Amino acid sequence: MFESMVVRRNGENFPVEASVRTVDIDGEKFYQGILRDITERKQAESELARQKNFIRQVIDSDPSLIFVKDAGGRFLLANEAMAKSYGQTAEEIVGKCNSDFIHSPEQTAAYEIAHRKC
């Protein structure tokens, strides 16, 4: 499977997902190709990316420490203010835990308790 751009009869370009395979029928090899118009999917992906970028700009402009963690205490999301408090970028903090930045077990435990209360 792959994606490509094709041209309609009217000359308009549009995105497709192409699926190609060989089919054996009575010992004879045939090729089957299916093209799916993925215009709506590409538009939805573009809108989702636009919204994600907007939300990122909003939370990064807030000086408050904003973050989301999973049940294991790993950062799923952090704004720039939160990341800077650890001396990191927002991208660097994702996937890590407090213990990756704080080397004191007591301080790490205190941060974990405080973060659970938020």
C-alpha atoms as a PDB file:
ATOM      1  CA  MET A   1       0.000   0.000   0.000  1.00  0.00           C
ATOM      2  CA  PHE A   2       1.121   3.513  -0.702  1.00  0.00           C
ATOM      3  CA  GLU A   3      -0.265   7.012  -1.110  1.00  0.00           C
ATOM      4  CA  SER A   4      -0.016   9.084  -4.241  1.00  0.00           C
ATOM      5  CA  MET A   5      -1.561  12.018  -6.068  1.00  0.00           C
ATOM      6  CA  VAL A   6      -3.588  11.341  -9.221  1.00  0.00           C
ATOM      7  CA  VAL A   7      -5.424  13.547 -11.700  1.00  0.00           C
ATOM      8  CA  ARG A   8      -9.170  13.528 -12.319  1.00  0.00           C
ATOM      9  CA  ARG A   9     -10.535  13.827 -15.847  1.00  0.00           C
ATOM     10  CA  ASN A  10     -11.180  17.511 -15.181  1.00  0.00           C
ATOM     11  CA  GLY A  11      -7.455  18.016 -14.412  1.00  0.00           C
ATOM     12  CA  GLU A  12      -7.873  18.323 -10.617  1.00  0.00           C
ATOM     13  CA  ASN A  13      -5.261  16.576  -8.453  1.00  0.00           C
ATOM     14  CA  PHE A  14      -6.431  14.481  -5.505  1.00  0.00           C
ATOM     15  CA  PRO A  15      -4.809  12.086  -3.018  1.00  0.00           C
ATOM     16  CA  VAL A  16      -5.336   8.333  -3.213  1.00  0.00           C
ATOM     17  CA  GLU A  17      -4.308   5.285  -1.261  1.00  0.00           C
ATOM     18  CA  ALA A  18      -3.211   2.567  -3.657  1.00  0.00           C
ATOM     19  CA  SER A  19      -3.295  -1.119  -2.849  1.00  0.00           C
ATOM     20  CA  VAL A  20      -1.690  -3.497  -5.350  1.00  0.00           C
ATOM     21  CA  ARG A  21      -1.337  -7.264  -5.137  1.00  0.00           C
ATOM     22  CA  THR A  22      -0.934 -10.326  -7.296  1.00  0.00           C
ATOM     23  CA  VAL A  23      -3.678 -12.914  -7.514  1.00  0.00           C
ATOM     24  CA  ASP A  24      -3.136 -16.453  -8.754  1.00  0.00           C
ATOM     25  CA  ILE A  25      -6.166 -17.900 -10.561  1.00  0.00           C
ATOM     26  CA  ASP A  26      -5.772 -21.395 -11.995  1.00  0.00           C
ATOM     27  CA  GLY A  27      -1.996 -20.961 -12.202  1.00  0.00           C
ATOM     28  CA  GLU A  28      -2.238 -17.656 -14.032  1.00  0.00           C
ATOM     29  CA  LYS A  29      -0.923 -14.498 -12.362  1.00  0.00           C
ATOM     30  CA  PHE A  30      -3.140 -11.403 -12.315  1.00  0.00           C
ATOM     31  CA  TYR A  31      -2.560  -8.004 -10.781  1.00  0.00           C
ATOM     32  CA  GLN A  32      -5.246  -6.285  -8.753  1.00  0.00           C
ATOM     33  CA  GLY A  33      -5.085  -2.591  -8.008  1.00  0.00           C
ATOM     34  CA  ILE A  34      -7.451  -0.571  -5.836  1.00  0.00           C
ATOM     35  CA  LEU A  35      -7.371   3.212  -5.566  1.00  0.00           C
ATOM     36  CA  ARG A  36      -9.217   4.904  -2.717  1.00  0.00           C
ATOM     37  CA  ASP A  37      -9.915   8.633  -2.725  1.00  0.00           C
ATOM     38  CA  ILE A  38      -8.515   9.837   0.616  1.00  0.00           C
ATOM     39  CA  THR A  39      -9.316  13.528   0.179  1.00  0.00           C
ATOM     40  CA  GLU A  40     -11.535  13.619   3.284  1.00  0.00           C
ATOM     41  CA  ARG A  41      -8.943  11.774   5.385  1.00  0.00           C
ATOM     42  CA  LYS A  42      -6.195  14.199   4.311  1.00  0.00           C
ATOM     43  CA  GLN A  43      -8.457  17.167   5.122  1.00  0.00           C
ATOM     44  CA  ALA A  44      -9.209  15.680   8.570  1.00  0.00           C
ATOM     45  CA  GLU A  45      -5.479  15.059   9.196  1.00  0.00           C
ATOM     46  CA  SER A  46      -4.706  18.635   8.211  1.00  0.00           C
ATOM     47  CA  GLU A  47      -7.417  20.023  10.512  1.00  0.00           C
ATOM     48  CA  LEU A  48      -6.221  17.841  13.385  1.00  0.00           C
ATOM     49  CA  ALA A  49      -2.648  19.055  12.900  1.00  0.00           C
ATOM     50  CA  ARG A  50      -3.876  22.671  12.824  1.00  0.00           C
ATOM     51  CA  GLN A  51      -5.818  22.187  16.073  1.00  0.00           C
ATOM     52  CA  LYS A  52      -2.891  20.409  17.738  1.00  0.00           C
ATOM     53  CA  ASN A  53      -0.591  23.285  16.781  1.00  0.00           C
ATOM     54  CA  PHE A  54      -3.103  25.819  18.131  1.00  0.00           C
ATOM     55  CA  ILE A  55      -3.449  23.994  21.469  1.00  0.00           C
ATOM     56  CA  ARG A  56       0.336  23.726  21.723  1.00  0.00           C
ATOM     57  CA  GLN A  57       0.633  27.504  21.203  1.00  0.00           C
ATOM     58  CA  VAL A  58      -2.022  28.175  23.860  1.00  0.00           C
ATOM     59  CA  ILE A  59      -0.475  25.995  26.569  1.00  0.00           C
ATOM     60  CA  ASP A  60       3.067  27.141  25.771  1.00  0.00           C
ATOM     61  CA  SER A  61       2.057  30.781  26.147  1.00  0.00           C
ATOM     62  CA  ASP A  62       0.741  30.125  29.683  1.00  0.00           C
ATOM     63  CA  PRO A  63       3.378  30.672  32.381  1.00  0.00           C
ATOM     64  CA  SER A  64       1.673  28.086  34.624  1.00  0.00           C
ATOM     65  CA  LEU A  65       3.171  24.611  34.825  1.00  0.00           C
ATOM     66  CA  ILE A  66       0.892  22.516  32.590  1.00  0.00           C
ATOM     67  CA  PHE A  67       1.447  18.786  32.174  1.00  0.00           C
ATOM     68  CA  VAL A  68      -0.295  15.459  31.657  1.00  0.00           C
ATOM     69  CA  LYS A  69       1.071  12.187  32.997  1.00  0.00           C
ATOM     70  CA  ASP A  70       0.093   8.568  32.487  1.00  0.00           C
ATOM     71  CA  ALA A  71      -0.689   6.178  35.350  1.00  0.00           C
ATOM     72  CA  GLY A  72       3.009   5.298  35.612  1.00  0.00           C
ATOM     73  CA  GLY A  73       3.998   8.907  36.173  1.00  0.00           C
ATOM     74  CA  ARG A  74       5.506   9.484  32.710  1.00  0.00           C
ATOM     75  CA  PHE A  75       4.920  12.855  31.066  1.00  0.00           C
ATOM     76  CA  LEU A  76       2.602  12.619  28.071  1.00  0.00           C
ATOM     77  CA  LEU A  77       2.519  16.378  27.547  1.00  0.00           C
ATOM     78  CA  ALA A  78       4.219  19.367  29.113  1.00  0.00           C
ATOM     79  CA  ASN A  79       4.195  23.042  28.285  1.00  0.00           C
ATOM     80  CA  GLU A  80       7.367  25.078  27.908  1.00  0.00           C
ATOM     81  CA  ALA A  81       7.106  26.483  31.455  1.00  0.00           C
ATOM     82  CA  MET A  82       6.939  22.970  32.925  1.00  0.00           C
ATOM     83  CA  ALA A  83       9.822  21.747  30.794  1.00  0.00           C
ATOM     84  CA  LYS A  84      11.967  24.767  31.678  1.00  0.00           C
ATOM     85  CA  SER A  85      11.408  24.062  35.370  1.00  0.00           C
ATOM     86  CA  TYR A  86      13.343  20.838  34.714  1.00  0.00           C
ATOM     87  CA  GLY A  87      15.853  22.511  32.392  1.00  0.00           C
ATOM     88  CA  GLN A  88      14.448  20.658  29.377  1.00  0.00           C
ATOM     89  CA  THR A  89      12.404  21.334  26.251  1.00  0.00           C
ATOM     90  CA  ALA A  90       8.799  20.177  26.016  1.00  0.00           C
ATOM     91  CA  GLU A  91       9.858  17.468  23.542  1.00  0.00           C
ATOM     92  CA  GLU A  92      12.623  16.200  25.836  1.00  0.00           C
ATOM     93  CA  ILE A  93      10.374  15.802  28.865  1.00  0.00           C
ATOM     94  CA  VAL A  94       7.754  13.601  27.155  1.00  0.00           C
ATOM     95  CA  GLY A  95       8.106   9.939  28.089  1.00  0.00           C
ATOM     96  CA  LYS A  96      10.171  10.657  31.188  1.00  0.00           C
ATOM     97  CA  CYS A  97       9.358  10.624  34.908  1.00  0.00           C
ATOM     98  CA  ASN A  98      10.257  13.008  37.718  1.00  0.00           C
ATOM     99  CA  SER A  99      13.013  10.597  38.762  1.00  0.00           C
ATOM    100  CA  ASP A 100      14.735  11.208  35.405  1.00  0.00           C
ATOM    101  CA  PHE A 101      15.304  14.821  36.445  1.00  0.00           C
ATOM    102  CA  ILE A 102      15.403  14.756  40.240  1.00  0.00           C
ATOM    103  CA  HIS A 103      18.066  12.588  41.821  1.00  0.00           C
ATOM    104  CA  SER A 104      16.758  12.815  45.362  1.00  0.00           C
ATOM    105  CA  PRO A 105      14.245   9.993  46.070  1.00  0.00           C
ATOM    106  CA  GLU A 106      12.603  12.090  48.787  1.00  0.00           C
ATOM    107  CA  GLN A 107      12.147  15.080  46.483  1.00  0.00           C
ATOM    108  CA  THR A 108      10.900  12.831  43.673  1.00  0.00           C
ATOM    109  CA  ALA A 109       8.295  11.324  46.012  1.00  0.00           C
ATOM    110  CA  ALA A 110       7.226  14.803  47.133  1.00  0.00           C
ATOM    111  CA  TYR A 111       6.789  15.904  43.497  1.00  0.00           C
ATOM    112  CA  GLU A 112       4.771  12.776  42.695  1.00  0.00           C
ATOM    113  CA  ILE A 113       2.421  13.434  45.609  1.00  0.00           C
ATOM    114  CA  ALA A 114       2.046  17.104  44.621  1.00  0.00           C
ATOM    115  CA  HIS A 115       1.389  16.213  40.972  1.00  0.00           C
ATOM    116  CA  ARG A 116      -1.317  13.708  41.906  1.00  0.00           C
ATOM    117  CA  LYS A 117      -3.134  16.450  43.822  1.00  0.00           C
ATOM    118  CA  CYS A 118      -3.241  18.733  40.760  1.00  0.00           C
END
